[in-house]
Amino acid sequence: MARLPRLAAALLVTALVAPEALAATPYTPWIGAKLRGNEVVAVIATSPAEVAGLEVRDRILSVDGAQTPRGADVARAIQAGEIGQFSVVRVQRGAKELSLAVFVAARPDRD
């Protein structure tokens, strides 16, 4: 089967997740990127971060308009998002600044 374009895949995930069902659960909002400060050092395979196009060495400048100069700021901004919704993540990639729509998922179990 051909790979779905990123936006189509993200929209499919949105259709499959009922945000109102997750709202009453103790899940932690998650995008699937590992950070050192506000720099991406790893992107989890098949995660919302990968689907959105986040890359290693991207610097996360803001999430939904909230400035994120430190890793704690990024985590706080993502956790303020709603599971099942998209957040706008502004990144610096080399000399360019990009805005990415990243689906906020529930952190998977760590079993």
C-alpha atoms as a PDB file:
ATOM      1  CA  MET A   1       0.000   0.000   0.000  1.00  0.00           C
ATOM      2  CA  ALA A   2       1.365   3.426  -0.882  1.00  0.00           C
ATOM      3  CA  ARG A   3       2.290   5.719   1.976  1.00  0.00           C
ATOM      4  CA  LEU A   4      -0.365   8.291   2.701  1.00  0.00           C
ATOM      5  CA  PRO A   5       0.727  11.897   2.469  1.00  0.00           C
ATOM      6  CA  ARG A   6       1.540  13.266   5.923  1.00  0.00           C
ATOM      7  CA  LEU A   7      -1.524  15.484   6.240  1.00  0.00           C
ATOM      8  CA  ALA A   8      -3.849  12.679   5.125  1.00  0.00           C
ATOM      9  CA  ALA A   9      -2.291  10.342   7.687  1.00  0.00           C
ATOM     10  CA  ALA A  10      -2.672  12.938  10.417  1.00  0.00           C
ATOM     11  CA  LEU A  11      -6.297  13.538   9.471  1.00  0.00           C
ATOM     12  CA  LEU A  12      -6.927   9.792   9.549  1.00  0.00           C
ATOM     13  CA  VAL A  13      -5.515   9.665  13.084  1.00  0.00           C
ATOM     14  CA  THR A  14      -7.763  12.605  14.044  1.00  0.00           C
ATOM     15  CA  ALA A  15     -10.803  10.778  12.699  1.00  0.00           C
ATOM     16  CA  LEU A  16      -9.951   7.638  14.674  1.00  0.00           C
ATOM     17  CA  VAL A  17      -9.415   9.385  18.007  1.00  0.00           C
ATOM     18  CA  ALA A  18     -12.432  10.767  19.811  1.00  0.00           C
ATOM     19  CA  PRO A  19     -11.052  13.749  21.790  1.00  0.00           C
ATOM     20  CA  GLU A  20     -14.097  13.825  24.061  1.00  0.00           C
ATOM     21  CA  ALA A  21     -13.431  10.197  25.038  1.00  0.00           C
ATOM     22  CA  LEU A  22      -9.818  10.992  25.924  1.00  0.00           C
ATOM     23  CA  ALA A  23     -10.658  14.178  27.825  1.00  0.00           C
ATOM     24  CA  ALA A  24     -11.811  12.239  30.875  1.00  0.00           C
ATOM     25  CA  THR A  25      -8.732  10.014  30.992  1.00  0.00           C
ATOM     26  CA  PRO A  26      -5.387  10.628  32.738  1.00  0.00           C
ATOM     27  CA  TYR A  27      -3.342  10.462  29.515  1.00  0.00           C
ATOM     28  CA  THR A  28      -0.413  12.820  28.972  1.00  0.00           C
ATOM     29  CA  PRO A  29      -0.334  14.832  25.726  1.00  0.00           C
ATOM     30  CA  TRP A  30       2.631  13.697  23.573  1.00  0.00           C
ATOM     31  CA  ILE A  31       4.117  14.299  20.111  1.00  0.00           C
ATOM     32  CA  GLY A  32       7.025  11.809  20.079  1.00  0.00           C
ATOM     33  CA  ALA A  33      10.146  13.969  19.985  1.00  0.00           C
ATOM     34  CA  LYS A  34      13.089  13.766  22.391  1.00  0.00           C
ATOM     35  CA  LEU A  35      14.725  17.066  23.254  1.00  0.00           C
ATOM     36  CA  ARG A  36      17.899  18.528  24.681  1.00  0.00           C
ATOM     37  CA  GLY A  37      16.833  22.013  25.636  1.00  0.00           C
ATOM     38  CA  ASN A  38      14.567  23.085  22.786  1.00  0.00           C
ATOM     39  CA  GLU A  39      16.572  21.116  20.190  1.00  0.00           C
ATOM     40  CA  VAL A  40      15.155  17.886  18.774  1.00  0.00           C
ATOM     41  CA  VAL A  41      17.670  15.063  19.297  1.00  0.00           C
ATOM     42  CA  ALA A  42      15.416  12.155  18.256  1.00  0.00           C
ATOM     43  CA  VAL A  43      12.068  11.635  16.569  1.00  0.00           C
ATOM     44  CA  ILE A  44      10.163   8.465  17.457  1.00  0.00           C
ATOM     45  CA  ALA A  45       9.269   6.379  14.377  1.00  0.00           C
ATOM     46  CA  THR A  46       5.596   6.684  13.357  1.00  0.00           C
ATOM     47  CA  SER A  47       4.998   9.367  16.013  1.00  0.00           C
ATOM     48  CA  PRO A  48       2.994  12.540  15.387  1.00  0.00           C
ATOM     49  CA  ALA A  49       6.311  14.443  15.307  1.00  0.00           C
ATOM     50  CA  GLU A  50       7.559  12.246  12.447  1.00  0.00           C
ATOM     51  CA  VAL A  51       4.267  12.505  10.552  1.00  0.00           C
ATOM     52  CA  ALA A  52       4.404  16.323  10.855  1.00  0.00           C
ATOM     53  CA  GLY A  53       7.967  16.417   9.522  1.00  0.00           C
ATOM     54  CA  LEU A  54       9.893  17.359  12.673  1.00  0.00           C
ATOM     55  CA  GLU A  55      13.593  16.546  12.221  1.00  0.00           C
ATOM     56  CA  VAL A  56      16.648  16.000  14.393  1.00  0.00           C
ATOM     57  CA  ARG A  57      18.444  19.342  14.974  1.00  0.00           C
ATOM     58  CA  ASP A  58      15.235  21.373  14.598  1.00  0.00           C
ATOM     59  CA  ARG A  59      14.938  24.002  17.327  1.00  0.00           C
ATOM     60  CA  ILE A  60      11.411  24.398  18.649  1.00  0.00           C
ATOM     61  CA  LEU A  61      10.822  28.140  18.885  1.00  0.00           C
ATOM     62  CA  SER A  62       7.166  28.104  19.909  1.00  0.00           C
ATOM     63  CA  VAL A  63       4.131  25.885  20.368  1.00  0.00           C
ATOM     64  CA  ASP A  64       0.725  27.432  19.663  1.00  0.00           C
ATOM     65  CA  GLY A  65       2.303  30.876  19.944  1.00  0.00           C
ATOM     66  CA  ALA A  66       3.957  30.260  23.340  1.00  0.00           C
ATOM     67  CA  GLN A  67       7.718  30.913  23.137  1.00  0.00           C
ATOM     68  CA  THR A  68       9.814  27.839  24.040  1.00  0.00           C
ATOM     69  CA  PRO A  69      13.454  28.809  24.711  1.00  0.00           C
ATOM     70  CA  ARG A  70      13.957  25.798  27.042  1.00  0.00           C
ATOM     71  CA  GLY A  71      12.988  22.146  26.957  1.00  0.00           C
ATOM     72  CA  ALA A  72      10.717  22.622  29.973  1.00  0.00           C
ATOM     73  CA  ASP A  73       8.840  25.304  28.019  1.00  0.00           C
ATOM     74  CA  VAL A  74       8.307  22.905  25.114  1.00  0.00           C
ATOM     75  CA  ALA A  75       7.032  20.159  27.432  1.00  0.00           C
ATOM     76  CA  ARG A  76       4.702  22.578  29.236  1.00  0.00           C
ATOM     77  CA  ALA A  77       3.305  23.900  25.944  1.00  0.00           C
ATOM     78  CA  ILE A  78       2.701  20.409  24.509  1.00  0.00           C
ATOM     79  CA  GLN A  79       1.063  19.252  27.742  1.00  0.00           C
ATOM     80  CA  ALA A  80      -1.205  22.294  27.633  1.00  0.00           C
ATOM     81  CA  GLY A  81      -2.488  21.064  24.265  1.00  0.00           C
ATOM     82  CA  GLU A  82      -5.511  18.867  23.885  1.00  0.00           C
ATOM     83  CA  ILE A  83      -5.163  15.226  22.942  1.00  0.00           C
ATOM     84  CA  GLY A  84      -6.751  14.688  19.555  1.00  0.00           C
ATOM     85  CA  GLN A  85      -6.059  18.227  18.342  1.00  0.00           C
ATOM     86  CA  PHE A  86      -3.258  19.807  16.322  1.00  0.00           C
ATOM     87  CA  SER A  87      -0.677  22.223  17.723  1.00  0.00           C
ATOM     88  CA  VAL A  88       1.273  24.668  15.594  1.00  0.00           C
ATOM     89  CA  VAL A  89       4.958  24.079  16.270  1.00  0.00           C
ATOM     90  CA  ARG A  90       7.311  26.768  14.950  1.00  0.00           C
ATOM     91  CA  VAL A  91      10.832  25.456  14.347  1.00  0.00           C
ATOM     92  CA  GLN A  92      14.146  26.756  13.161  1.00  0.00           C
ATOM     93  CA  ARG A  93      15.777  24.396  10.661  1.00  0.00           C
ATOM     94  CA  GLY A  94      19.141  25.779   9.624  1.00  0.00           C
ATOM     95  CA  ALA A  95      18.500  29.338   8.422  1.00  0.00           C
ATOM     96  CA  LYS A  96      14.749  28.722   7.832  1.00  0.00           C
ATOM     97  CA  GLU A  97      11.788  29.018  10.169  1.00  0.00           C
ATOM     98  CA  LEU A  98       8.901  26.630   9.546  1.00  0.00           C
ATOM     99  CA  SER A  99       5.454  26.103  11.034  1.00  0.00           C
ATOM    100  CA  LEU A 100       4.362  22.485  11.411  1.00  0.00           C
ATOM    101  CA  ALA A 101       0.915  21.196  12.376  1.00  0.00           C
ATOM    102  CA  VAL A 102       1.612  18.430  14.892  1.00  0.00           C
ATOM    103  CA  PHE A 103      -1.112  16.099  16.144  1.00  0.00           C
ATOM    104  CA  VAL A 104      -1.171  15.862  19.929  1.00  0.00           C
ATOM    105  CA  ALA A 105      -1.590  12.198  20.883  1.00  0.00           C
ATOM    106  CA  ALA A 106      -1.790  10.390  24.201  1.00  0.00           C
ATOM    107  CA  ARG A 107       1.606   9.191  25.421  1.00  0.00           C
ATOM    108  CA  PRO A 108       1.753   5.444  24.732  1.00  0.00           C
ATOM    109  CA  ASP A 109       2.229   3.021  27.598  1.00  0.00           C
ATOM    110  CA  ARG A 110       5.871   2.432  28.465  1.00  0.00           C
ATOM    111  CA  ASP A 111       5.496  -1.281  29.255  1.00  0.00           C
END
